[in-house]
PDB file of N, CA and C in Angstrom:
ATOM      1  N   MET A   1       6.645   0.961  -8.625  1.00  0.00           N
ATOM      2  CA  MET A   1       6.437   1.814  -7.476  1.00  0.00           C
ATOM      3  C   MET A   1       5.690   1.017  -6.405  1.00  0.00           C
ATOM      4  N   SER A   2       6.049   1.243  -5.159  1.00  0.00           N
ATOM      5  CA  SER A   2       5.377   0.553  -4.056  1.00  0.00           C
ATOM      6  C   SER A   2       4.174   1.349  -3.572  1.00  0.00           C
ATOM      7  N   ASP A   3       3.343   0.709  -2.762  1.00  0.00           N
ATOM      8  CA  ASP A   3       2.213   1.399  -2.148  1.00  0.00           C
ATOM      9  C   ASP A   3       2.714   2.378  -1.097  1.00  0.00           C
ATOM     10  N   PRO A   4       1.951   3.434  -0.831  1.00  0.00           N
ATOM     11  CA  PRO A   4       2.346   4.354   0.248  1.00  0.00           C
ATOM     12  C   PRO A   4       2.446   3.596   1.573  1.00  0.00           C
ATOM     13  N   ASN A   5       3.462   3.921   2.352  1.00  0.00           N
ATOM     14  CA  ASN A   5       3.620   3.260   3.648  1.00  0.00           C
ATOM     15  C   ASN A   5       3.918   4.248   4.776  1.00  0.00           C
ATOM     16  N   PHE A   6       3.799   5.537   4.491  1.00  0.00           N
ATOM     17  CA  PHE A   6       3.942   6.572   5.500  1.00  0.00           C
ATOM     18  C   PHE A   6       2.723   7.482   5.431  1.00  0.00           C
ATOM     19  N   LEU A   7       2.222   7.874   6.584  1.00  0.00           N
ATOM     20  CA  LEU A   7       1.139   8.848   6.690  1.00  0.00           C
ATOM     21  C   LEU A   7       1.650   9.935   7.622  1.00  0.00           C
ATOM     22  N   ILE A   8       1.567  11.186   7.187  1.00  0.00           N
ATOM     23  CA  ILE A   8       2.064  12.296   8.001  1.00  0.00           C
ATOM     24  C   ILE A   8       0.916  13.247   8.295  1.00  0.00           C
ATOM     25  N   LEU A   9       0.722  13.532   9.578  1.00  0.00           N
ATOM     26  CA  LEU A   9      -0.261  14.521  10.011  1.00  0.00           C
ATOM     27  C   LEU A   9       0.487  15.772  10.438  1.00  0.00           C
ATOM     28  N   TYR A  10      -0.025  16.928  10.045  1.00  0.00           N
ATOM     29  CA  TYR A  10       0.563  18.192  10.469  1.00  0.00           C
ATOM     30  C   TYR A  10      -0.097  18.599  11.775  1.00  0.00           C
ATOM     31  N   VAL A  11       0.716  18.859  12.783  1.00  0.00           N
ATOM     32  CA  VAL A  11       0.220  19.116  14.133  1.00  0.00           C
ATOM     33  C   VAL A  11       0.829  20.396  14.693  1.00  0.00           C
ATOM     34  N   VAL A  12       0.194  20.946  15.720  1.00  0.00           N
ATOM     35  CA  VAL A  12       0.679  22.176  16.355  1.00  0.00           C
ATOM     36  C   VAL A  12       1.846  21.873  17.288  1.00  0.00           C
ATOM     37  N   GLN A  13       1.714  20.841  18.114  1.00  0.00           N
ATOM     38  CA  GLN A  13       2.752  20.490  19.094  1.00  0.00           C
ATOM     39  C   GLN A  13       3.090  19.011  18.953  1.00  0.00           C
ATOM     40  N   PRO A  14       4.124  18.675  18.187  1.00  0.00           N
ATOM     41  CA  PRO A  14       4.439  17.272  17.938  1.00  0.00           C
ATOM     42  C   PRO A  14       4.628  16.427  19.191  1.00  0.00           C
ATOM     43  N   LEU A  15       5.272  16.947  20.219  1.00  0.00           N
ATOM     44  CA  LEU A  15       5.494  16.134  21.416  1.00  0.00           C
ATOM     45  C   LEU A  15       4.188  15.885  22.176  1.00  0.00           C
ATOM     46  N   ALA A  16       3.304  16.878  22.240  1.00  0.00           N
ATOM     47  CA  ALA A  16       1.998  16.681  22.871  1.00  0.00           C
ATOM     48  C   ALA A  16       1.159  15.710  22.045  1.00  0.00           C
ATOM     49  N   SER A  17       1.206  15.847  20.735  1.00  0.00           N
ATOM     50  CA  SER A  17       0.478  14.919  19.873  1.00  0.00           C
ATOM     51  C   SER A  17       1.053  13.513  19.987  1.00  0.00           C
ATOM     52  N   ALA A  18       2.364  13.403  20.142  1.00  0.00           N
ATOM     53  CA  ALA A  18       2.991  12.085  20.319  1.00  0.00           C
ATOM     54  C   ALA A  18       2.501  11.429  21.603  1.00  0.00           C
ATOM     55  N   ALA A  19       2.362  12.204  22.665  1.00  0.00           N
ATOM     56  CA  ALA A  19       1.843  11.644  23.924  1.00  0.00           C
ATOM     57  C   ALA A  19       0.401  11.169  23.735  1.00  0.00           C
ATOM     58  N   PHE A  20      -0.403  11.954  23.025  1.00  0.00           N
ATOM     59  CA  PHE A  20      -1.789  11.569  22.746  1.00  0.00           C
ATOM     60  C   PHE A  20      -1.828  10.252  21.972  1.00  0.00           C
ATOM     61  N   TYR A  21      -1.067  10.151  20.892  1.00  0.00           N
ATOM     62  CA  TYR A  21      -1.096   8.937  20.071  1.00  0.00           C
ATOM     63  C   TYR A  21      -0.443   7.750  20.775  1.00  0.00           C
ATOM     64  N   ALA A  22       0.550   7.977  21.612  1.00  0.00           N
ATOM     65  CA  ALA A  22       1.138   6.872  22.375  1.00  0.00           C
ATOM     66  C   ALA A  22       0.077   6.224  23.261  1.00  0.00           C
ATOM     67  N   GLU A  23      -0.738   7.038  23.904  1.00  0.00           N
ATOM     68  CA  GLU A  23      -1.808   6.502  24.738  1.00  0.00           C
ATOM     69  C   GLU A  23      -2.878   5.844  23.875  1.00  0.00           C
ATOM     70  N   LEU A  24      -3.275   6.491  22.796  1.00  0.00           N
ATOM     71  CA  LEU A  24      -4.318   5.965  21.921  1.00  0.00           C
ATOM     72  C   LEU A  24      -3.915   4.629  21.304  1.00  0.00           C
ATOM     73  N   LEU A  25      -2.667   4.537  20.829  1.00  0.00           N
ATOM     74  CA  LEU A  25      -2.192   3.339  20.137  1.00  0.00           C
ATOM     75  C   LEU A  25      -1.613   2.289  21.079  1.00  0.00           C
ATOM     76  N   GLY A  26      -1.335   2.669  22.309  1.00  0.00           N
ATOM     77  CA  GLY A  26      -0.763   1.718  23.262  1.00  0.00           C
ATOM     78  C   GLY A  26       0.682   1.373  22.973  1.00  0.00           C
ATOM     79  N   ARG A  27       1.415   2.312  22.383  1.00  0.00           N
ATOM     80  CA  ARG A  27       2.839   2.095  22.108  1.00  0.00           C
ATOM     81  C   ARG A  27       3.547   3.441  22.001  1.00  0.00           C
ATOM     82  N   PRO A  28       4.819   3.491  22.341  1.00  0.00           N
ATOM     83  CA  PRO A  28       5.539   4.764  22.261  1.00  0.00           C
ATOM     84  C   PRO A  28       5.964   5.075  20.830  1.00  0.00           C
ATOM     85  N   ALA A  29       6.244   6.337  20.609  1.00  0.00           N
ATOM     86  CA  ALA A  29       6.837   6.748  19.341  1.00  0.00           C
ATOM     87  C   ALA A  29       8.227   6.137  19.237  1.00  0.00           C
ATOM     88  N   ILE A  30       8.635   5.783  18.017  1.00  0.00           N
ATOM     89  CA  ILE A  30       9.977   5.226  17.833  1.00  0.00           C
ATOM     90  C   ILE A  30      11.009   6.321  17.589  1.00  0.00           C
ATOM     91  N   GLU A  31      10.515   7.534  17.350  1.00  0.00           N
ATOM     92  CA  GLU A  31      11.397   8.681  17.130  1.00  0.00           C
ATOM     93  C   GLU A  31      10.650   9.932  17.568  1.00  0.00           C
ATOM     94  N   THR A  32      11.329  10.811  18.283  1.00  0.00           N
ATOM     95  CA  THR A  32      10.729  12.099  18.646  1.00  0.00           C
ATOM     96  C   THR A  32      11.784  13.187  18.584  1.00  0.00           C
ATOM     97  N   SER A  33      11.326  14.369  18.224  1.00  0.00           N
ATOM     98  CA  SER A  33      12.141  15.577  18.270  1.00  0.00           C
ATOM     99  C   SER A  33      11.156  16.713  18.526  1.00  0.00           C
ATOM    100  N   PRO A  34      11.630  17.920  18.766  1.00  0.00           N
ATOM    101  CA  PRO A  34      10.693  19.024  18.995  1.00  0.00           C
ATOM    102  C   PRO A  34       9.746  19.289  17.822  1.00  0.00           C
ATOM    103  N   THR A  35      10.126  18.842  16.601  1.00  0.00           N
ATOM    104  CA  THR A  35       9.289  19.152  15.440  1.00  0.00           C
ATOM    105  C   THR A  35       8.679  17.920  14.757  1.00  0.00           C
ATOM    106  N   PHE A  36       8.971  16.717  15.268  1.00  0.00           N
ATOM    107  CA  PHE A  36       8.511  15.506  14.578  1.00  0.00           C
ATOM    108  C   PHE A  36       8.461  14.325  15.537  1.00  0.00           C
ATOM    109  N   ALA A  37       7.481  13.451  15.323  1.00  0.00           N
ATOM    110  CA  ALA A  37       7.413  12.174  16.043  1.00  0.00           C
ATOM    111  C   ALA A  37       6.976  11.107  15.052  1.00  0.00           C
ATOM    112  N   LEU A  38       7.413   9.864  15.288  1.00  0.00           N
ATOM    113  CA  LEU A  38       7.123   8.779  14.361  1.00  0.00           C
ATOM    114  C   LEU A  38       6.691   7.534  15.117  1.00  0.00           C
ATOM    115  N   PHE A  39       5.599   6.911  14.639  1.00  0.00           N
ATOM    116  CA  PHE A  39       5.082   5.667  15.198  1.00  0.00           C
ATOM    117  C   PHE A  39       5.135   4.579  14.135  1.00  0.00           C
ATOM    118  N   ALA A  40       5.538   3.378  14.536  1.00  0.00           N
ATOM    119  CA  ALA A  40       5.470   2.200  13.677  1.00  0.00           C
ATOM    120  C   ALA A  40       4.183   1.468  14.040  1.00  0.00           C
ATOM    121  N   LEU A  41       3.252   1.401  13.093  1.00  0.00           N
ATOM    122  CA  LEU A  41       1.971   0.745  13.349  1.00  0.00           C
ATOM    123  C   LEU A  41       2.074  -0.752  13.067  1.00  0.00           C
ATOM    124  N   LYS A  42       1.206  -1.534  13.694  1.00  0.00           N
ATOM    125  CA  LYS A  42       1.227  -2.985  13.518  1.00  0.00           C
ATOM    126  C   LYS A  42       1.060  -3.384  12.058  1.00  0.00           C
ATOM    127  N   SER A  43       0.364  -2.569  11.273  1.00  0.00           N
ATOM    128  CA  SER A  43       0.123  -2.862   9.858  1.00  0.00           C
ATOM    129  C   SER A  43       1.376  -2.690   9.006  1.00  0.00           C
ATOM    130  N   GLY A  44       2.409  -2.077   9.571  1.00  0.00           N
ATOM    131  CA  GLY A  44       3.618  -1.771   8.814  1.00  0.00           C
ATOM    132  C   GLY A  44       3.657  -0.334   8.327  1.00  0.00           C
ATOM    133  N   VAL A  45       2.527   0.354   8.395  1.00  0.00           N
ATOM    134  CA  VAL A  45       2.477   1.769   8.015  1.00  0.00           C
ATOM    135  C   VAL A  45       3.138   2.593   9.116  1.00  0.00           C
ATOM    136  N   MET A  46       3.824   3.639   8.715  1.00  0.00           N
ATOM    137  CA  MET A  46       4.453   4.551   9.657  1.00  0.00           C
ATOM    138  C   MET A  46       3.579   5.798   9.766  1.00  0.00           C
ATOM    139  N   LEU A  47       3.340   6.258  10.988  1.00  0.00           N
ATOM    140  CA  LEU A  47       2.551   7.464  11.243  1.00  0.00           C
ATOM    141  C   LEU A  47       3.474   8.545  11.776  1.00  0.00           C
ATOM    142  N   GLY A  48       3.612   9.613  11.001  1.00  0.00           N
ATOM    143  CA  GLY A  48       4.445  10.735  11.400  1.00  0.00           C
ATOM    144  C   GLY A  48       3.600  11.912  11.845  1.00  0.00           C
ATOM    145  N   LEU A  49       4.091  12.647  12.815  1.00  0.00           N
ATOM    146  CA  LEU A  49       3.453  13.865  13.324  1.00  0.00           C
ATOM    147  C   LEU A  49       4.463  14.995  13.155  1.00  0.00           C
ATOM    148  N   TRP A  50       4.219  15.883  12.224  1.00  0.00           N
ATOM    149  CA  TRP A  50       5.187  16.917  11.855  1.00  0.00           C
ATOM    150  C   TRP A  50       4.618  18.278  12.223  1.00  0.00           C
ATOM    151  N   SER A  51       5.435  19.111  12.818  1.00  0.00           N
ATOM    152  CA  SER A  51       5.015  20.460  13.184  1.00  0.00           C
ATOM    153  C   SER A  51       4.537  21.212  11.953  1.00  0.00           C
ATOM    154  N   LYS A  52       3.297  21.699  12.014  1.00  0.00           N
ATOM    155  CA  LYS A  52       2.760  22.448  10.875  1.00  0.00           C
ATOM    156  C   LYS A  52       3.507  23.762  10.679  1.00  0.00           C
ATOM    157  N   HIS A  53       4.277  24.171  11.690  1.00  0.00           N
ATOM    158  CA  HIS A  53       5.033  25.417  11.609  1.00  0.00           C
ATOM    159  C   HIS A  53       6.392  25.232  10.943  1.00  0.00           C
ATOM    160  N   THR A  54       6.867  23.972  10.820  1.00  0.00           N
ATOM    161  CA  THR A  54       8.202  23.753  10.267  1.00  0.00           C
ATOM    162  C   THR A  54       8.208  22.862   9.033  1.00  0.00           C
ATOM    163  N   VAL A  55       7.060  22.311   8.640  1.00  0.00           N
ATOM    164  CA  VAL A  55       7.021  21.442   7.470  1.00  0.00           C
ATOM    165  C   VAL A  55       7.440  22.229   6.228  1.00  0.00           C
ATOM    166  N   GLU A  56       8.252  21.587   5.393  1.00  0.00           N
ATOM    167  CA  GLU A  56       8.716  22.232   4.160  1.00  0.00           C
ATOM    168  C   GLU A  56       8.429  21.327   2.987  1.00  0.00           C
ATOM    169  N   PRO A  57       7.878  21.869   1.907  1.00  0.00           N
ATOM    170  CA  PRO A  57       7.341  23.209   1.802  1.00  0.00           C
ATOM    171  C   PRO A  57       6.134  23.372   2.710  1.00  0.00           C
ATOM    172  N   ALA A  58       5.812  24.611   3.039  1.00  0.00           N
ATOM    173  CA  ALA A  58       4.723  24.903   3.969  1.00  0.00           C
ATOM    174  C   ALA A  58       3.437  24.216   3.514  1.00  0.00           C
ATOM    175  N   ALA A  59       2.687  23.693   4.479  1.00  0.00           N
ATOM    176  CA  ALA A  59       1.431  23.001   4.193  1.00  0.00           C
ATOM    177  C   ALA A  59       0.261  23.966   4.307  1.00  0.00           C
ATOM    178  N   VAL A  60      -0.668  23.847   3.393  1.00  0.00           N
ATOM    179  CA  VAL A  60      -1.876  24.656   3.437  1.00  0.00           C
ATOM    180  C   VAL A  60      -2.920  23.963   4.302  1.00  0.00           C
ATOM    181  N   ALA A  61      -3.136  22.667   4.074  1.00  0.00           N
ATOM    182  CA  ALA A  61      -4.136  21.907   4.835  1.00  0.00           C
ATOM    183  C   ALA A  61      -3.531  21.446   6.151  1.00  0.00           C
ATOM    184  N   THR A  62      -4.297  21.549   7.206  1.00  0.00           N
ATOM    185  CA  THR A  62      -3.863  21.022   8.501  1.00  0.00           C
ATOM    186  C   THR A  62      -5.019  20.226   9.098  1.00  0.00           C
ATOM    187  N   GLY A  63      -5.217  20.265  10.414  1.00  0.00           N
ATOM    188  CA  GLY A  63      -6.201  19.443  11.104  1.00  0.00           C
ATOM    189  C   GLY A  63      -7.573  19.414  10.473  1.00  0.00           C
ATOM    190  N   GLY A  64      -8.175  18.226  10.486  1.00  0.00           N
ATOM    191  CA  GLY A  64      -9.513  18.049   9.961  1.00  0.00           C
ATOM    192  C   GLY A  64      -9.563  17.598   8.520  1.00  0.00           C
ATOM    193  N   GLY A  65      -8.446  17.647   7.825  1.00  0.00           N
ATOM    194  CA  GLY A  65      -8.428  17.256   6.426  1.00  0.00           C
ATOM    195  C   GLY A  65      -8.114  15.790   6.207  1.00  0.00           C
ATOM    196  N   VAL A  66      -7.844  15.070   7.293  1.00  0.00           N
ATOM    197  CA  VAL A  66      -7.484  13.657   7.212  1.00  0.00           C
ATOM    198  C   VAL A  66      -8.330  12.872   8.205  1.00  0.00           C
ATOM    199  N   GLU A  67      -8.624  11.640   7.842  1.00  0.00           N
ATOM    200  CA  GLU A  67      -9.354  10.755   8.756  1.00  0.00           C
ATOM    201  C   GLU A  67      -8.558   9.462   8.886  1.00  0.00           C
ATOM    202  N   LEU A  68      -8.171   9.117  10.114  1.00  0.00           N
ATOM    203  CA  LEU A  68      -7.554   7.823  10.378  1.00  0.00           C
ATOM    204  C   LEU A  68      -8.678   6.872  10.751  1.00  0.00           C
ATOM    205  N   ALA A  69      -8.713   5.715  10.125  1.00  0.00           N
ATOM    206  CA  ALA A  69      -9.791   4.763  10.378  1.00  0.00           C
ATOM    207  C   ALA A  69      -9.246   3.511  11.052  1.00  0.00           C
ATOM    208  N   PHE A  70      -9.970   3.037  12.058  1.00  0.00           N
ATOM    209  CA  PHE A  70      -9.607   1.862  12.835  1.00  0.00           C
ATOM    210  C   PHE A  70     -10.729   0.838  12.678  1.00  0.00           C
ATOM    211  N   ALA A  71     -10.483  -0.248  11.956  1.00  0.00           N
ATOM    212  CA  ALA A  71     -11.491  -1.290  11.767  1.00  0.00           C
ATOM    213  C   ALA A  71     -11.435  -2.263  12.935  1.00  0.00           C
ATOM    214  N   LEU A  72     -12.589  -2.513  13.545  1.00  0.00           N
ATOM    215  CA  LEU A  72     -12.698  -3.455  14.653  1.00  0.00           C
ATOM    216  C   LEU A  72     -13.587  -4.620  14.241  1.00  0.00           C
ATOM    217  N   GLY A  73     -13.692  -5.625  15.120  1.00  0.00           N
ATOM    218  CA  GLY A  73     -14.377  -6.851  14.768  1.00  0.00           C
ATOM    219  C   GLY A  73     -15.842  -6.948  15.128  1.00  0.00           C
ATOM    220  N   SER A  74     -16.366  -5.987  15.921  1.00  0.00           N
ATOM    221  CA  SER A  74     -17.770  -6.100  16.337  1.00  0.00           C
ATOM    222  C   SER A  74     -18.319  -4.743  16.757  1.00  0.00           C
ATOM    223  N   GLN A  75     -19.645  -4.649  16.770  1.00  0.00           N
ATOM    224  CA  GLN A  75     -20.290  -3.437  17.266  1.00  0.00           C
ATOM    225  C   GLN A  75     -19.955  -3.230  18.739  1.00  0.00           C
ATOM    226  N   GLU A  76     -19.863  -4.317  19.495  1.00  0.00           N
ATOM    227  CA  GLU A  76     -19.517  -4.200  20.918  1.00  0.00           C
ATOM    228  C   GLU A  76     -18.137  -3.579  21.095  1.00  0.00           C
ATOM    229  N   ALA A  77     -17.189  -3.950  20.230  1.00  0.00           N
ATOM    230  CA  ALA A  77     -15.844  -3.371  20.307  1.00  0.00           C
ATOM    231  C   ALA A  77     -15.873  -1.890  19.951  1.00  0.00           C
ATOM    232  N   VAL A  78     -16.696  -1.513  18.978  1.00  0.00           N
ATOM    233  CA  VAL A  78     -16.843  -0.101  18.617  1.00  0.00           C
ATOM    234  C   VAL A  78     -17.412   0.675  19.799  1.00  0.00           C
ATOM    235  N   ASP A  79     -18.480   0.146  20.408  1.00  0.00           N
ATOM    236  CA  ASP A  79     -19.088   0.813  21.563  1.00  0.00           C
ATOM    237  C   ASP A  79     -18.113   0.921  22.729  1.00  0.00           C
ATOM    238  N   ALA A  80     -17.351  -0.138  22.987  1.00  0.00           N
ATOM    239  CA  ALA A  80     -16.383  -0.115  24.088  1.00  0.00           C
ATOM    240  C   ALA A  80     -15.305   0.930  23.842  1.00  0.00           C
ATOM    241  N   THR A  81     -14.813   1.020  22.605  1.00  0.00           N
ATOM    242  CA  THR A  81     -13.800   2.027  22.270  1.00  0.00           C
ATOM    243  C   THR A  81     -14.380   3.427  22.424  1.00  0.00           C
ATOM    244  N   HIS A  82     -15.607   3.616  21.968  1.00  0.00           N
ATOM    245  CA  HIS A  82     -16.283   4.904  22.135  1.00  0.00           C
ATOM    246  C   HIS A  82     -16.333   5.288  23.608  1.00  0.00           C
ATOM    247  N   ASP A  83     -16.719   4.356  24.467  1.00  0.00           N
ATOM    248  CA  ASP A  83     -16.819   4.639  25.898  1.00  0.00           C
ATOM    249  C   ASP A  83     -15.463   4.998  26.500  1.00  0.00           C
ATOM    250  N   VAL A  84     -14.417   4.281  26.097  1.00  0.00           N
ATOM    251  CA  VAL A  84     -13.065   4.568  26.602  1.00  0.00           C
ATOM    252  C   VAL A  84     -12.616   5.947  26.141  1.00  0.00           C
ATOM    253  N   TRP A  85     -12.774   6.247  24.857  1.00  0.00           N
ATOM    254  CA  TRP A  85     -12.326   7.532  24.327  1.00  0.00           C
ATOM    255  C   TRP A  85     -13.111   8.677  24.948  1.00  0.00           C
ATOM    256  N   ARG A  86     -14.408   8.513  25.069  1.00  0.00           N
ATOM    257  CA  ARG A  86     -15.234   9.561  25.693  1.00  0.00           C
ATOM    258  C   ARG A  86     -14.800   9.753  27.142  1.00  0.00           C
ATOM    259  N   GLY A  87     -14.512   8.654  27.836  1.00  0.00           N
ATOM    260  CA  GLY A  87     -14.036   8.731  29.214  1.00  0.00           C
ATOM    261  C   GLY A  87     -12.696   9.439  29.344  1.00  0.00           C
ATOM    262  N   ARG A  88     -11.865   9.364  28.314  1.00  0.00           N
ATOM    263  CA  ARG A  88     -10.575  10.063  28.300  1.00  0.00           C
ATOM    264  C   ARG A  88     -10.725  11.528  27.933  1.00  0.00           C
ATOM    265  N   GLY A  89     -11.931  11.917  27.535  1.00  0.00           N
ATOM    266  CA  GLY A  89     -12.168  13.308  27.184  1.00  0.00           C
ATOM    267  C   GLY A  89     -11.953  13.654  25.727  1.00  0.00           C
ATOM    268  N   LEU A  90     -11.794  12.646  24.864  1.00  0.00           N
ATOM    269  CA  LEU A  90     -11.665  12.953  23.444  1.00  0.00           C
ATOM    270  C   LEU A  90     -12.960  13.555  22.934  1.00  0.00           C
ATOM    271  N   PRO A  91     -12.878  14.610  22.152  1.00  0.00           N
ATOM    272  CA  PRO A  91     -14.095  15.145  21.539  1.00  0.00           C
ATOM    273  C   PRO A  91     -14.688  14.101  20.586  1.00  0.00           C
ATOM    274  N   ILE A  92     -15.972  13.864  20.710  1.00  0.00           N
ATOM    275  CA  ILE A  92     -16.670  12.923  19.831  1.00  0.00           C
ATOM    276  C   ILE A  92     -17.484  13.736  18.833  1.00  0.00           C
ATOM    277  N   LEU A  93     -17.132  13.621  17.569  1.00  0.00           N
ATOM    278  CA  LEU A  93     -17.805  14.355  16.503  1.00  0.00           C
ATOM    279  C   LEU A  93     -19.103  13.672  16.091  1.00  0.00           C
ATOM    280  N   GLU A  94     -19.100  12.338  16.128  1.00  0.00           N
ATOM    281  CA  GLU A  94     -20.277  11.564  15.772  1.00  0.00           C
ATOM    282  C   GLU A  94     -20.366  10.372  16.716  1.00  0.00           C
ATOM    283  N   ALA A  95     -21.475  10.264  17.439  1.00  0.00           N
ATOM    284  CA  ALA A  95     -21.716   9.137  18.336  1.00  0.00           C
ATOM    285  C   ALA A  95     -21.920   7.873  17.504  1.00  0.00           C
ATOM    286  N   PRO A  96     -21.802   6.699  18.111  1.00  0.00           N
ATOM    287  CA  PRO A  96     -21.989   5.459  17.352  1.00  0.00           C
ATOM    288  C   PRO A  96     -23.305   5.462  16.578  1.00  0.00           C
ATOM    289  N   VAL A  97     -23.188   5.057  15.305  1.00  0.00           N
ATOM    290  CA  VAL A  97     -24.328   5.087  14.383  1.00  0.00           C
ATOM    291  C   VAL A  97     -24.092   4.052  13.289  1.00  0.00           C
ATOM    292  N   SER A  98     -25.180   3.527  12.747  1.00  0.00           N
ATOM    293  CA  SER A  98     -25.086   2.639  11.589  1.00  0.00           C
ATOM    294  C   SER A  98     -25.161   3.480  10.320  1.00  0.00           C
ATOM    295  N   LEU A  99     -24.151   3.333   9.456  1.00  0.00           N
ATOM    296  CA  LEU A  99     -24.128   4.002   8.158  1.00  0.00           C
ATOM    297  C   LEU A  99     -24.110   2.939   7.068  1.00  0.00           C
ATOM    298  N   ASP A 100     -24.090   3.344   5.826  1.00  0.00           N
ATOM    299  CA  ASP A 100     -24.189   2.369   4.750  1.00  0.00           C
ATOM    300  C   ASP A 100     -23.031   1.372   4.716  1.00  0.00           C
ATOM    301  N   PHE A 101     -21.854   1.725   5.218  1.00  0.00           N
ATOM    302  CA  PHE A 101     -20.696   0.832   5.193  1.00  0.00           C
ATOM    303  C   PHE A 101     -20.525   0.020   6.471  1.00  0.00           C
ATOM    304  N   GLY A 102     -21.199   0.448   7.578  1.00  0.00           N
ATOM    305  CA  GLY A 102     -21.049  -0.277   8.830  1.00  0.00           C
ATOM    306  C   GLY A 102     -21.410   0.574  10.030  1.00  0.00           C
ATOM    307  N   TYR A 103     -21.053   0.079  11.198  1.00  0.00           N
ATOM    308  CA  TYR A 103     -21.333   0.728  12.473  1.00  0.00           C
ATOM    309  C   TYR A 103     -20.091   1.518  12.860  1.00  0.00           C
ATOM    310  N   THR A 104     -20.247   2.788  13.245  1.00  0.00           N
ATOM    311  CA  THR A 104     -19.089   3.663  13.359  1.00  0.00           C
ATOM    312  C   THR A 104     -19.306   4.793  14.354  1.00  0.00           C
ATOM    313  N   PHE A 105     -18.214   5.401  14.789  1.00  0.00           N
ATOM    314  CA  PHE A 105     -18.234   6.711  15.461  1.00  0.00           C
ATOM    315  C   PHE A 105     -16.968   7.453  15.071  1.00  0.00           C
ATOM    316  N   VAL A 106     -16.964   8.775  15.313  1.00  0.00           N
ATOM    317  CA  VAL A 106     -15.810   9.605  14.957  1.00  0.00           C
ATOM    318  C   VAL A 106     -15.418  10.467  16.146  1.00  0.00           C
ATOM    319  N   GLY A 107     -14.141  10.403  16.516  1.00  0.00           N
ATOM    320  CA  GLY A 107     -13.559  11.275  17.528  1.00  0.00           C
ATOM    321  C   GLY A 107     -12.547  12.202  16.862  1.00  0.00           C
ATOM    322  N   LEU A 108     -11.994  13.105  17.649  1.00  0.00           N
ATOM    323  CA  LEU A 108     -11.002  14.053  17.140  1.00  0.00           C
ATOM    324  C   LEU A 108      -9.732  13.996  17.958  1.00  0.00           C
ATOM    325  N   ASP A 109      -8.588  14.142  17.291  1.00  0.00           N
ATOM    326  CA  ASP A 109      -7.327  14.274  18.019  1.00  0.00           C
ATOM    327  C   ASP A 109      -7.136  15.745  18.403  1.00  0.00           C
ATOM    328  N   PRO A 110      -6.061  16.081  19.122  1.00  0.00           N
ATOM    329  CA  PRO A 110      -5.886  17.472  19.570  1.00  0.00           C
ATOM    330  C   PRO A 110      -5.799  18.505  18.449  1.00  0.00           C
ATOM    331  N   ASP A 111      -5.477  18.067  17.230  1.00  0.00           N
ATOM    332  CA  ASP A 111      -5.360  18.992  16.105  1.00  0.00           C
ATOM    333  C   ASP A 111      -6.565  18.963  15.186  1.00  0.00           C
ATOM    334  N   GLY A 112      -7.618  18.245  15.575  1.00  0.00           N
ATOM    335  CA  GLY A 112      -8.836  18.202  14.771  1.00  0.00           C
ATOM    336  C   GLY A 112      -8.837  17.147  13.684  1.00  0.00           C
ATOM    337  N   HIS A 113      -7.828  16.263  13.660  1.00  0.00           N
ATOM    338  CA  HIS A 113      -7.847  15.150  12.710  1.00  0.00           C
ATOM    339  C   HIS A 113      -8.916  14.161  13.159  1.00  0.00           C
ATOM    340  N   ARG A 114      -9.680  13.653  12.201  1.00  0.00           N
ATOM    341  CA  ARG A 114     -10.779  12.742  12.510  1.00  0.00           C
ATOM    342  C   ARG A 114     -10.258  11.333  12.754  1.00  0.00           C
ATOM    343  N   LEU A 115     -10.779  10.689  13.798  1.00  0.00           N
ATOM    344  CA  LEU A 115     -10.427   9.319  14.159  1.00  0.00           C
ATOM    345  C   LEU A 115     -11.700   8.485  14.063  1.00  0.00           C
ATOM    346  N   ARG A 116     -11.846   7.725  12.988  1.00  0.00           N
ATOM    347  CA  ARG A 116     -13.051   6.917  12.783  1.00  0.00           C
ATOM    348  C   ARG A 116     -12.791   5.488  13.255  1.00  0.00           C
ATOM    349  N   VAL A 117     -13.703   4.983  14.083  1.00  0.00           N
ATOM    350  CA  VAL A 117     -13.684   3.595  14.518  1.00  0.00           C
ATOM    351  C   VAL A 117     -14.916   2.944  13.921  1.00  0.00           C
ATOM    352  N   PHE A 118     -14.762   1.749  13.330  1.00  0.00           N
ATOM    353  CA  PHE A 118     -15.906   1.134  12.671  1.00  0.00           C
ATOM    354  C   PHE A 118     -15.776  -0.382  12.607  1.00  0.00           C
ATOM    355  N   VAL A 119     -16.912  -1.011  12.416  1.00  0.00           N
ATOM    356  CA  VAL A 119     -16.953  -2.409  12.033  1.00  0.00           C
ATOM    357  C   VAL A 119     -17.726  -2.445  10.720  1.00  0.00           C
ATOM    358  N   PRO A 120     -17.121  -2.997   9.659  1.00  0.00           N
ATOM    359  CA  PRO A 120     -17.818  -2.999   8.384  1.00  0.00           C
ATOM    360  C   PRO A 120     -19.031  -3.925   8.404  1.00  0.00           C
ATOM    361  N   ASN A 121     -20.003  -3.595   7.558  1.00  0.00           N
ATOM    362  CA  ASN A 121     -21.142  -4.497   7.391  1.00  0.00           C
ATOM    363  C   ASN A 121     -20.653  -5.829   6.861  1.00  0.00           C
ATOM    364  N   ALA A 122     -21.339  -6.901   7.252  1.00  0.00           N
ATOM    365  CA  ALA A 122     -21.007  -8.226   6.723  1.00  0.00           C
ATOM    366  C   ALA A 122     -21.276  -8.246   5.234  1.00  0.00           C
ATOM    367  N   ALA A 123     -20.406  -8.915   4.506  1.00  0.00           N
ATOM    368  CA  ALA A 123     -20.531  -8.962   3.035  1.00  0.00           C
ATOM    369  C   ALA A 123     -21.701  -9.833   2.608  1.00  0.00           C
TER     370      ALA A 123
END
């Protein structure tokens, strides 16, 4: 069996969420429909946005139950990303802070999915 290579978030409005992620990721979706959008990430993982109203079988968990994490190379990069996201109006759940694993902050997408940006502590 291979490792998972698709991540699917359940969203209220797939096309609106696709526009949000296109701006956030700096690339367009490779597939869109009224109920689904798909992004090919640089890592090779595919990110899908599926309408929570049409997913089959019906999903119980929706926004807030998943955290997408973005590892960066420095605290300065984390702070710069925080400033850009805050300037775009993204809700910030946690301002930049040092935690046991590294320096981090958490924002939210339109459906309440957590977006963590961090730089890990040096080993």
